[in-house]
Protein backbone atom coordinates (compact mmCIF):
# COMPACT_ATOMS: atom_id res chain seq x y z
CA MET A 1 19.09 2.09 -11.54
CA LYS A 2 21.06 4.51 -9.20
CA ALA A 3 18.26 4.37 -6.72
CA LEU A 4 18.71 0.60 -6.34
CA LYS A 5 22.51 0.64 -5.72
CA GLN A 6 21.97 0.61 -1.98
CA PHE A 7 20.05 -2.76 -2.40
CA THR A 8 23.35 -4.65 -3.48
CA ILE A 9 24.82 -6.32 -0.47
CA PRO A 10 28.53 -7.45 -0.69
CA PHE A 11 28.70 -10.57 1.37
CA SER A 12 32.14 -11.90 0.49
CA GLY A 13 34.04 -9.95 3.16
CA LEU A 14 31.67 -10.65 5.91
CA LYS A 15 32.48 -13.39 8.47
CA LEU A 16 30.11 -16.46 9.04
CA GLY A 17 27.12 -15.60 11.16
CA LYS A 18 24.37 -12.99 11.25
CA HIS A 19 24.59 -9.47 10.01
CA GLN A 20 22.03 -6.63 10.14
CA PHE A 21 21.19 -4.24 7.19
CA GLU A 22 18.70 -1.32 7.17
CA LEU A 23 17.28 -0.18 3.81
CA GLU A 24 15.05 2.73 3.16
CA ILE A 25 12.41 2.36 0.47
CA ASP A 26 10.73 5.43 -0.99
CA LYS A 27 9.38 6.93 -4.12
CA ASP A 28 12.58 6.61 -6.10
CA PHE A 29 12.62 2.82 -5.37
CA PHE A 30 9.16 2.31 -7.08
CA ASP A 31 10.04 4.70 -9.93
CA ALA A 32 12.82 2.29 -10.85
CA TYR A 33 10.06 -0.31 -11.78
CA GLU A 34 8.24 0.92 -14.85
CA TYR A 35 4.91 -0.83 -14.54
CA SER A 36 4.71 -0.95 -10.61
CA LEU A 37 1.37 -1.29 -9.00
CA VAL A 38 2.78 0.98 -6.06
CA LYS A 39 3.88 4.38 -7.21
CA ASP A 40 4.96 5.81 -3.84
CA GLY A 41 5.65 4.76 -0.25
CA THR A 42 7.73 5.14 2.80
CA LEU A 43 9.04 1.88 4.22
CA LYS A 44 11.98 0.44 6.14
CA ALA A 45 13.44 -2.95 5.41
CA ASN A 46 15.40 -4.59 8.08
CA LEU A 47 17.59 -7.50 6.56
CA GLU A 48 19.19 -10.07 8.64
CA LEU A 49 21.74 -11.91 6.60
CA ASP A 50 23.00 -15.22 8.01
CA LYS A 51 26.08 -16.15 6.30
CA GLN A 52 26.88 -19.82 6.39
CA GLU A 53 29.53 -22.04 4.50
CA THR A 54 27.01 -23.20 1.76
CA MET A 55 24.30 -20.73 1.69
CA LEU A 56 22.92 -17.43 2.86
CA ILE A 57 19.75 -17.11 4.75
CA LEU A 58 17.97 -13.69 4.35
CA ASN A 59 15.28 -12.63 6.84
CA PHE A 60 13.23 -9.57 5.74
CA ASP A 61 11.15 -7.46 8.02
CA ILE A 62 9.56 -4.62 5.93
CA GLN A 63 7.32 -2.11 7.69
CA GLY A 64 5.76 1.25 6.68
CA SER A 65 3.01 2.46 4.33
CA ILE A 66 2.30 2.44 0.62
CA GLN A 67 0.22 4.88 -1.34
CA LEU A 68 -2.71 3.35 -3.13
CA SER A 69 -5.79 4.57 -5.03
CA CYS A 70 -9.24 3.55 -3.81
CA ASP A 71 -11.08 1.50 -6.30
CA THR A 72 -14.44 3.06 -5.34
CA CYS A 73 -13.84 6.80 -4.95
CA LEU A 74 -10.32 7.12 -6.52
CA ALA A 75 -8.88 8.87 -3.54
CA ASP A 76 -5.18 8.07 -2.56
CA PHE A 77 -4.70 6.58 0.75
CA ALA A 78 -1.92 5.17 2.82
CA GLN A 79 -2.08 1.37 3.22
CA PRO A 80 0.08 0.07 6.27
CA VAL A 81 2.49 -2.67 5.33
CA ASN A 82 3.92 -5.31 7.61
CA ILE A 83 5.99 -7.99 5.82
CA LYS A 84 8.04 -10.80 7.24
CA GLU A 85 9.68 -13.10 4.78
CA LYS A 86 12.66 -15.60 4.53
CA GLN A 87 14.75 -16.33 1.50
CA ILE A 88 17.37 -19.03 1.25
CA VAL A 89 20.27 -18.51 -1.24
CA LYS A 90 22.47 -21.49 -2.05
CA PHE A 91 25.90 -21.39 -3.49
CA ALA A 92 26.53 -23.64 -6.65
CA ASP A 93 29.65 -24.28 -8.65
CA ASP A 94 29.37 -23.60 -12.35
CA GLU A 95 25.99 -25.12 -13.13
CA LEU A 96 23.24 -22.75 -12.05
CA THR A 97 20.19 -24.97 -12.36
CA ASN A 98 17.43 -24.25 -9.81
CA GLU A 99 14.49 -26.68 -9.68
CA ASP A 100 13.23 -25.43 -6.37
CA LEU A 101 11.37 -22.05 -6.78
CA GLU A 102 11.83 -21.32 -3.03
CA ILE A 103 15.52 -21.33 -3.05
CA MET A 104 17.73 -19.02 -5.01
CA VAL A 105 21.01 -20.14 -6.36
CA ILE A 106 23.99 -18.16 -7.20
CA SER A 107 27.56 -18.87 -8.25
CA ARG A 108 30.38 -19.33 -5.74
CA LYS A 109 32.25 -16.67 -7.65
CA ASP A 110 29.71 -13.99 -6.82
CA SER A 111 30.63 -11.55 -4.11
CA GLU A 112 27.30 -9.52 -3.78
CA ILE A 113 23.59 -10.10 -3.91
CA GLU A 114 21.01 -7.87 -5.10
CA VAL A 115 17.85 -7.78 -2.79
CA ALA A 116 15.75 -5.05 -4.56
CA ASP A 117 13.80 -7.42 -6.71
CA LEU A 118 12.90 -9.60 -3.73
CA ILE A 119 11.86 -6.46 -1.68
CA TYR A 120 9.78 -5.30 -4.77
CA GLU A 121 8.01 -8.65 -5.11
CA TYR A 122 7.15 -8.90 -1.29
CA ILE A 123 5.66 -5.40 -1.41
CA THR A 124 3.81 -6.04 -4.71
CA ILE A 125 2.30 -9.28 -3.26
CA SER A 126 1.11 -7.57 -0.09
CA VAL A 127 -1.09 -5.12 -2.18
CA PRO A 128 -4.67 -6.20 -1.63
CA TYR A 129 -6.53 -7.25 -4.82
CA VAL A 130 -9.34 -4.76 -4.02
CA ASN A 131 -8.27 -1.42 -2.67
CA ASN A 132 -10.70 0.57 -0.53
CA CYS A 133 -10.28 3.44 1.97
CA GLU A 134 -11.81 1.36 4.62
CA GLN A 135 -8.84 -0.99 4.64
CA ALA A 136 -6.65 2.11 5.94
CA GLY A 137 -9.63 3.15 8.31
CA VAL A 138 -10.48 6.21 6.17
CA THR A 139 -13.95 6.88 4.82
CA CYS A 140 -14.45 7.30 1.08
CA ASP A 141 -14.97 10.66 -0.54
CA PRO A 142 -18.67 11.50 -0.07
CA GLU A 143 -18.76 13.83 -3.06
CA MET A 144 -17.45 11.01 -5.46
CA LEU A 145 -19.87 8.54 -4.01
CA GLN A 146 -22.87 10.80 -4.66
CA THR A 147 -21.60 11.26 -8.20
CA LEU A 148 -21.33 7.45 -8.58
CA GLN A 149 -24.70 7.02 -7.20
CA LYS A 150 -26.30 9.47 -9.58
CA PHE A 151 -24.64 7.72 -12.61
CA SER A 152 -25.35 4.19 -11.22
CA ALA A 153 -26.11 1.49 -13.75
CA ARG A 154 -29.27 0.48 -11.66
CA ASP A 155 -30.78 3.77 -12.34
CA THR A 156 -30.32 3.54 -16.04
CA GLU A 157 -31.83 0.00 -16.10
CA GLN A 158 -35.03 1.30 -14.34
CA THR A 159 -35.51 4.24 -16.96
CA GLU A 160 -34.89 1.60 -19.77
CA GLU A 161 -37.59 -0.75 -18.41
CA SER A 162 -40.05 2.12 -18.12
CA LYS A 163 -39.43 3.08 -21.82
CA GLU A 164 -40.27 -0.25 -23.21
CA ASP A 165 -41.25 -0.42 -26.83
CA PRO A 166 -45.03 -1.05 -27.15
CA ARG A 167 -44.44 -3.39 -30.12
CA TRP A 168 -42.64 -5.74 -27.61
CA ALA A 169 -45.63 -5.58 -25.31
CA ALA A 170 -47.89 -6.70 -28.22
CA LEU A 171 -45.61 -9.65 -28.79
CA LYS A 172 -45.67 -10.58 -25.13
CA LYS A 173 -49.48 -10.89 -25.40
CA LEU A 174 -49.18 -13.63 -27.95
CA LYS A 175 -47.69 -16.06 -25.41
């Protein structure tokens, strides 16, 4: 978790108002999450923390690219990422009940907030369900596409139909 130490922001010593933080996201960040969809990337997260009396307002602006594998040809490609998100963090006394999923609740005794999990969620949510080279403006590997075409399921269906068992043909005549 050493790679995520920079994502802990101490807010207790900050004055009321807006404060800017710049965070670098790289392979070490994604390695900290064991089953991450994204294994590598180069991103920059600009965080604007607006400290108020009863809450913190976090505005995230995450830009860069992540490395994904094409679902068609299995080639790696860089997927551009541009994320803008807002998170509200409220201060509570002792009882930390949170019924609203869009608002985080932390204790008034806390002096810092960790934003690594939020950034990880935002990046993971931005990953497309289907990854294709065309999304990044790159063409798929033609050699791999030829190999896939050669072993396509349609070709095997056609050969199976042509090798139909003659006993079935006799049964079809009984209709």
